[in-house]
C-alpha cells in the first residue's frame, strides 16, 4: 500500500490519505489513443526545466517525458525523469535529520 510506504519514510509527519483519484485508460479511449508532449516553436530548455521544478517547498515533484531535456516526447525520457525525481526526493529526505528540516532547507533556496 503506497500510503503505508509514505508514512514509513516520513516518520513524525501526518500523511493524509488521498481524497480521490482517477485512473486513465488511454489505450481504450477512442479519441486519444495515447499522447506525448512536444517542444513548441519559441520554447526552449528553460521551459522544459520549469515544467520539472518541484513545488510547495519541495513537497511536490514532477516527472515525465515533458520534463526531459535530453529525451523529450519519449518513454525513455519519462523513465529517466522518474529516476531523477526519485533521487531528488530521497536526497532531500535523507540528507536532513527530518522531513521538516528538508522543507525548511528547500524554502531557504
N, C-alpha and C. Protein backbone atom coordinates (compact mmCIF):
# COMPACT_ATOMS: atom_id res chain seq x y z
N UNK A 1 0.85 -1.18 0.00
CA UNK A 1 0.00 0.00 0.00
C UNK A 1 0.89 1.24 0.00
N UNK A 2 0.66 2.11 -0.94
CA UNK A 2 1.50 3.30 -1.11
C UNK A 2 1.46 4.22 0.11
N UNK A 3 0.31 4.35 0.74
CA UNK A 3 0.20 5.24 1.90
C UNK A 3 1.02 4.70 3.06
N UNK A 4 1.08 3.40 3.23
CA UNK A 4 1.89 2.81 4.30
C UNK A 4 3.37 3.11 4.06
N UNK A 5 3.80 3.05 2.80
CA UNK A 5 5.20 3.35 2.47
C UNK A 5 5.50 4.81 2.76
N UNK A 6 4.61 5.71 2.36
CA UNK A 6 4.83 7.13 2.64
C UNK A 6 4.92 7.40 4.13
N UNK A 7 4.04 6.80 4.89
CA UNK A 7 4.07 7.01 6.34
C UNK A 7 5.35 6.45 6.95
N UNK A 8 5.87 5.39 6.38
CA UNK A 8 7.11 4.80 6.90
C UNK A 8 8.32 5.68 6.60
N UNK A 9 8.38 6.27 5.40
CA UNK A 9 9.54 7.08 5.05
C UNK A 9 9.43 8.52 5.57
N UNK A 10 8.26 8.90 6.07
CA UNK A 10 8.06 10.24 6.63
C UNK A 10 7.62 10.15 8.08
N UNK A 11 8.42 9.54 8.94
CA UNK A 11 8.00 9.39 10.34
C UNK A 11 7.82 10.74 11.01
N UNK A 12 6.82 10.82 11.86
CA UNK A 12 6.56 12.06 12.57
C UNK A 12 5.82 13.09 11.75
N UNK A 13 5.45 12.73 10.53
CA UNK A 13 4.73 13.65 9.65
C UNK A 13 3.35 13.07 9.38
N UNK A 14 2.33 13.90 9.49
CA UNK A 14 0.97 13.45 9.19
C UNK A 14 0.82 13.32 7.68
N UNK A 15 0.52 12.13 7.22
CA UNK A 15 0.34 11.86 5.79
C UNK A 15 -1.13 11.53 5.58
N UNK A 16 -1.86 12.49 5.02
CA UNK A 16 -3.28 12.29 4.78
C UNK A 16 -3.52 11.35 3.61
N UNK A 17 -4.59 10.59 3.69
CA UNK A 17 -4.99 9.74 2.58
C UNK A 17 -5.54 10.61 1.46
N UNK A 18 -5.39 10.18 0.21
CA UNK A 18 -5.94 10.97 -0.89
C UNK A 18 -7.46 11.12 -0.77
N UNK A 19 -7.95 12.26 -1.20
CA UNK A 19 -9.41 12.47 -1.17
C UNK A 19 -10.08 11.83 -2.38
N UNK A 20 -9.28 11.47 -3.37
CA UNK A 20 -9.82 10.81 -4.56
C UNK A 20 -8.71 10.51 -5.53
N UNK A 21 -9.03 9.84 -6.60
CA UNK A 21 -8.05 9.52 -7.64
C UNK A 21 -8.79 9.24 -8.94
N UNK A 22 -8.03 9.26 -10.00
CA UNK A 22 -8.60 8.98 -11.32
C UNK A 22 -7.63 8.06 -12.06
N UNK A 23 -8.17 7.02 -12.62
CA UNK A 23 -7.37 6.10 -13.41
C UNK A 23 -7.69 6.36 -14.88
N UNK A 24 -6.66 6.59 -15.66
CA UNK A 24 -6.89 6.80 -17.09
C UNK A 24 -6.63 5.50 -17.83
N UNK A 25 -7.37 5.30 -18.87
CA UNK A 25 -7.21 4.12 -19.73
C UNK A 25 -7.06 4.61 -21.17
N UNK A 26 -5.91 5.24 -21.42
CA UNK A 26 -5.68 5.87 -22.72
C UNK A 26 -5.81 4.88 -23.87
N UNK A 27 -5.38 3.67 -23.66
CA UNK A 27 -5.44 2.69 -24.73
C UNK A 27 -6.85 2.32 -25.12
N UNK A 28 -7.81 2.56 -24.22
CA UNK A 28 -9.21 2.24 -24.50
C UNK A 28 -10.00 3.46 -24.98
N UNK A 29 -9.40 4.64 -24.87
CA UNK A 29 -10.09 5.86 -25.26
C UNK A 29 -10.01 6.03 -26.77
N UNK A 30 -11.15 5.94 -27.48
CA UNK A 30 -11.12 6.03 -28.94
C UNK A 30 -10.73 7.41 -29.45
N UNK A 31 -10.75 8.43 -28.57
CA UNK A 31 -10.44 9.79 -29.01
C UNK A 31 -8.99 10.20 -28.76
N UNK A 32 -8.28 9.49 -27.89
CA UNK A 32 -6.90 9.92 -27.61
C UNK A 32 -5.86 8.96 -28.18
N UNK A 33 -6.02 7.69 -27.95
CA UNK A 33 -5.05 6.69 -28.41
C UNK A 33 -3.64 7.01 -27.95
N UNK A 34 -3.52 7.61 -26.78
CA UNK A 34 -2.21 7.96 -26.23
C UNK A 34 -1.84 9.39 -26.57
N UNK A 35 -0.77 9.85 -25.99
CA UNK A 35 -0.36 11.23 -26.21
C UNK A 35 1.11 11.39 -25.84
N UNK A 36 1.70 12.46 -26.26
CA UNK A 36 3.06 12.81 -25.86
C UNK A 36 3.20 14.31 -26.02
N UNK A 37 4.21 14.88 -25.39
CA UNK A 37 4.42 16.33 -25.48
C UNK A 37 5.36 16.65 -26.63
N UNK A 38 5.43 17.91 -26.96
CA UNK A 38 6.41 18.38 -27.94
C UNK A 38 6.82 19.78 -27.54
N UNK A 39 8.01 20.17 -27.95
CA UNK A 39 8.52 21.50 -27.65
C UNK A 39 8.02 22.42 -28.75
N UNK A 40 7.17 23.34 -28.37
CA UNK A 40 6.54 24.25 -29.32
C UNK A 40 7.54 25.29 -29.84
N UNK A 41 7.24 25.86 -30.97
CA UNK A 41 8.06 26.93 -31.53
C UNK A 41 8.14 28.06 -30.51
N UNK A 42 9.33 28.53 -30.25
CA UNK A 42 9.54 29.60 -29.30
C UNK A 42 9.86 29.13 -27.89
N UNK A 43 9.73 27.84 -27.65
CA UNK A 43 10.06 27.28 -26.33
C UNK A 43 11.46 26.69 -26.38
N UNK A 44 12.07 26.63 -25.22
CA UNK A 44 13.42 26.10 -25.18
C UNK A 44 13.68 25.32 -23.91
N UNK A 45 14.95 25.05 -23.63
CA UNK A 45 15.32 24.23 -22.47
C UNK A 45 14.81 24.78 -21.14
N UNK A 46 14.78 26.09 -20.98
CA UNK A 46 14.30 26.66 -19.72
C UNK A 46 12.83 26.33 -19.49
N UNK A 47 12.05 26.27 -20.55
CA UNK A 47 10.64 25.91 -20.41
C UNK A 47 10.48 24.46 -19.95
N UNK A 48 11.32 23.58 -20.47
CA UNK A 48 11.29 22.18 -20.07
C UNK A 48 11.71 22.06 -18.60
N UNK A 49 12.76 22.79 -18.22
CA UNK A 49 13.21 22.76 -16.82
C UNK A 49 12.12 23.27 -15.89
N UNK A 50 11.41 24.32 -16.32
CA UNK A 50 10.34 24.89 -15.49
C UNK A 50 9.24 23.86 -15.22
N UNK A 51 8.94 23.02 -16.20
CA UNK A 51 7.90 22.00 -16.02
C UNK A 51 8.32 20.94 -15.00
N UNK A 52 9.61 20.77 -14.79
CA UNK A 52 10.10 19.75 -13.88
C UNK A 52 10.48 20.26 -12.50
N UNK A 53 10.31 21.56 -12.25
CA UNK A 53 10.70 22.10 -10.94
C UNK A 53 9.72 21.67 -9.85
N UNK A 54 10.25 21.31 -8.67
CA UNK A 54 9.37 20.96 -7.55
C UNK A 54 8.56 22.17 -7.10
N UNK A 55 7.41 21.90 -6.53
CA UNK A 55 6.55 22.95 -5.99
C UNK A 55 6.31 22.72 -4.51
N UNK A 56 5.67 23.67 -3.89
CA UNK A 56 5.25 23.57 -2.49
C UNK A 56 6.45 23.24 -1.60
N UNK A 57 7.49 24.06 -1.72
CA UNK A 57 8.69 23.91 -0.89
C UNK A 57 9.33 22.53 -0.99
N UNK A 58 9.32 21.98 -2.18
CA UNK A 58 9.94 20.68 -2.39
C UNK A 58 9.10 19.52 -1.93
N UNK A 59 7.79 19.70 -1.86
CA UNK A 59 6.90 18.61 -1.44
C UNK A 59 6.20 17.96 -2.62
N UNK A 60 6.17 18.63 -3.77
CA UNK A 60 5.50 18.09 -4.96
C UNK A 60 6.53 18.03 -6.09
N UNK A 61 6.75 16.84 -6.63
CA UNK A 61 7.76 16.63 -7.65
C UNK A 61 7.10 16.23 -8.97
N UNK A 62 7.76 16.54 -10.08
CA UNK A 62 7.21 16.24 -11.40
C UNK A 62 8.21 15.43 -12.22
N UNK A 63 7.71 14.39 -12.82
CA UNK A 63 8.49 13.58 -13.75
C UNK A 63 7.63 13.34 -14.97
N UNK A 64 8.24 12.93 -16.04
CA UNK A 64 7.51 12.64 -17.27
C UNK A 64 8.33 13.09 -18.45
N UNK A 65 7.97 12.58 -19.61
CA UNK A 65 8.74 12.90 -20.81
C UNK A 65 8.77 14.39 -21.10
N UNK A 66 7.77 15.12 -20.60
CA UNK A 66 7.72 16.56 -20.82
C UNK A 66 8.75 17.32 -19.99
N UNK A 67 9.40 16.65 -19.01
CA UNK A 67 10.42 17.30 -18.18
C UNK A 67 11.83 16.88 -18.55
N UNK A 68 11.99 16.14 -19.63
CA UNK A 68 13.30 15.64 -20.04
C UNK A 68 13.87 16.48 -21.18
N UNK A 69 14.96 17.20 -20.88
CA UNK A 69 15.61 18.00 -21.93
C UNK A 69 16.28 17.11 -22.97
N UNK A 70 16.88 16.01 -22.52
CA UNK A 70 17.65 15.16 -23.42
C UNK A 70 16.77 14.24 -24.27
N UNK A 71 15.64 13.79 -23.71
CA UNK A 71 14.78 12.83 -24.42
C UNK A 71 13.31 13.22 -24.31
N UNK A 72 12.94 14.42 -24.77
CA UNK A 72 11.52 14.80 -24.68
C UNK A 72 10.66 13.92 -25.58
N UNK A 73 9.42 13.77 -25.21
CA UNK A 73 8.44 13.05 -26.04
C UNK A 73 8.74 11.57 -26.21
N UNK A 74 9.48 10.98 -25.25
CA UNK A 74 9.83 9.56 -25.38
C UNK A 74 9.58 8.82 -24.07
N UNK A 75 9.36 7.52 -24.16
CA UNK A 75 9.23 6.69 -22.97
C UNK A 75 10.54 6.73 -22.19
N UNK A 76 11.65 6.74 -22.90
CA UNK A 76 12.96 6.79 -22.24
C UNK A 76 13.07 8.06 -21.40
N UNK A 77 12.62 9.18 -21.94
CA UNK A 77 12.64 10.44 -21.19
C UNK A 77 11.78 10.37 -19.94
N UNK A 78 10.62 9.72 -20.05
CA UNK A 78 9.74 9.56 -18.89
C UNK A 78 10.42 8.71 -17.82
N UNK A 79 11.04 7.61 -18.25
CA UNK A 79 11.72 6.71 -17.32
C UNK A 79 12.86 7.42 -16.60
N UNK A 80 13.71 8.09 -17.37
CA UNK A 80 14.86 8.79 -16.79
C UNK A 80 14.41 9.89 -15.83
N UNK A 81 13.37 10.61 -16.18
CA UNK A 81 12.91 11.69 -15.31
C UNK A 81 12.31 11.13 -14.02
N UNK A 82 11.69 9.96 -14.08
CA UNK A 82 11.18 9.33 -12.87
C UNK A 82 12.30 8.96 -11.92
N UNK A 83 13.38 8.42 -12.48
CA UNK A 83 14.55 8.10 -11.66
C UNK A 83 15.17 9.37 -11.09
N UNK A 84 15.23 10.42 -11.90
CA UNK A 84 15.80 11.71 -11.44
C UNK A 84 15.02 12.23 -10.24
N UNK A 85 13.71 12.22 -10.33
CA UNK A 85 12.89 12.75 -9.24
C UNK A 85 12.92 11.86 -8.01
N UNK A 86 13.01 10.54 -8.21
CA UNK A 86 13.15 9.64 -7.05
C UNK A 86 14.44 9.96 -6.31
N UNK A 87 15.54 10.15 -7.05
CA UNK A 87 16.81 10.52 -6.41
C UNK A 87 16.69 11.86 -5.69
N UNK A 88 16.01 12.80 -6.31
CA UNK A 88 15.83 14.12 -5.71
C UNK A 88 15.06 14.03 -4.40
N UNK A 89 13.97 13.26 -4.40
CA UNK A 89 13.18 13.11 -3.18
C UNK A 89 14.00 12.44 -2.08
N UNK A 90 14.67 11.34 -2.43
CA UNK A 90 15.47 10.64 -1.43
C UNK A 90 16.58 11.53 -0.88
N UNK A 91 17.21 12.29 -1.76
CA UNK A 91 18.27 13.20 -1.33
C UNK A 91 17.76 14.24 -0.36
N UNK A 92 16.60 14.81 -0.65
CA UNK A 92 16.04 15.83 0.24
C UNK A 92 15.64 15.23 1.58
N UNK A 93 15.05 14.05 1.55
CA UNK A 93 14.54 13.45 2.78
C UNK A 93 15.64 12.87 3.63
N UNK A 94 16.65 12.27 3.02
CA UNK A 94 17.67 11.58 3.80
C UNK A 94 18.85 12.47 4.17
N UNK A 95 19.04 13.58 3.47
CA UNK A 95 20.15 14.47 3.80
C UNK A 95 19.85 15.28 5.05
N UNK A 96 18.57 15.45 5.35
CA UNK A 96 18.17 16.23 6.52
C UNK A 96 17.84 15.28 7.68
N UNK A 97 17.90 15.81 8.89
CA UNK A 97 17.55 14.99 10.06
C UNK A 97 16.08 14.62 10.05
N UNK A 98 15.26 15.44 9.43
CA UNK A 98 13.83 15.14 9.37
C UNK A 98 13.26 15.75 8.10
N UNK A 99 12.07 15.31 7.75
CA UNK A 99 11.40 15.85 6.57
C UNK A 99 11.17 17.35 6.72
N UNK A 100 10.81 17.79 7.91
CA UNK A 100 10.54 19.21 8.12
C UNK A 100 11.80 20.06 7.94
N UNK A 101 12.94 19.53 8.32
CA UNK A 101 14.20 20.24 8.10
C UNK A 101 14.48 20.34 6.60
N UNK A 102 14.15 19.29 5.86
CA UNK A 102 14.34 19.32 4.42
C UNK A 102 13.47 20.37 3.78
N UNK A 103 12.23 20.49 4.24
CA UNK A 103 11.34 21.53 3.71
C UNK A 103 11.90 22.90 4.04
N UNK A 104 12.41 23.10 5.25
CA UNK A 104 12.99 24.40 5.62
C UNK A 104 14.19 24.72 4.73
N UNK A 105 14.99 23.72 4.41
CA UNK A 105 16.14 23.92 3.53
C UNK A 105 15.68 24.31 2.12
N UNK A 106 14.62 23.68 1.64
CA UNK A 106 14.11 23.98 0.31
C UNK A 106 13.56 25.40 0.25
N UNK A 107 12.93 25.85 1.32
CA UNK A 107 12.39 27.21 1.35
C UNK A 107 13.48 28.26 1.39
N UNK A 108 14.63 27.91 1.95
CA UNK A 108 15.75 28.85 2.06
C UNK A 108 16.45 29.06 0.73
N UNK A 109 16.23 28.16 -0.24
CA UNK A 109 16.91 28.25 -1.54
C UNK A 109 16.28 29.30 -2.40
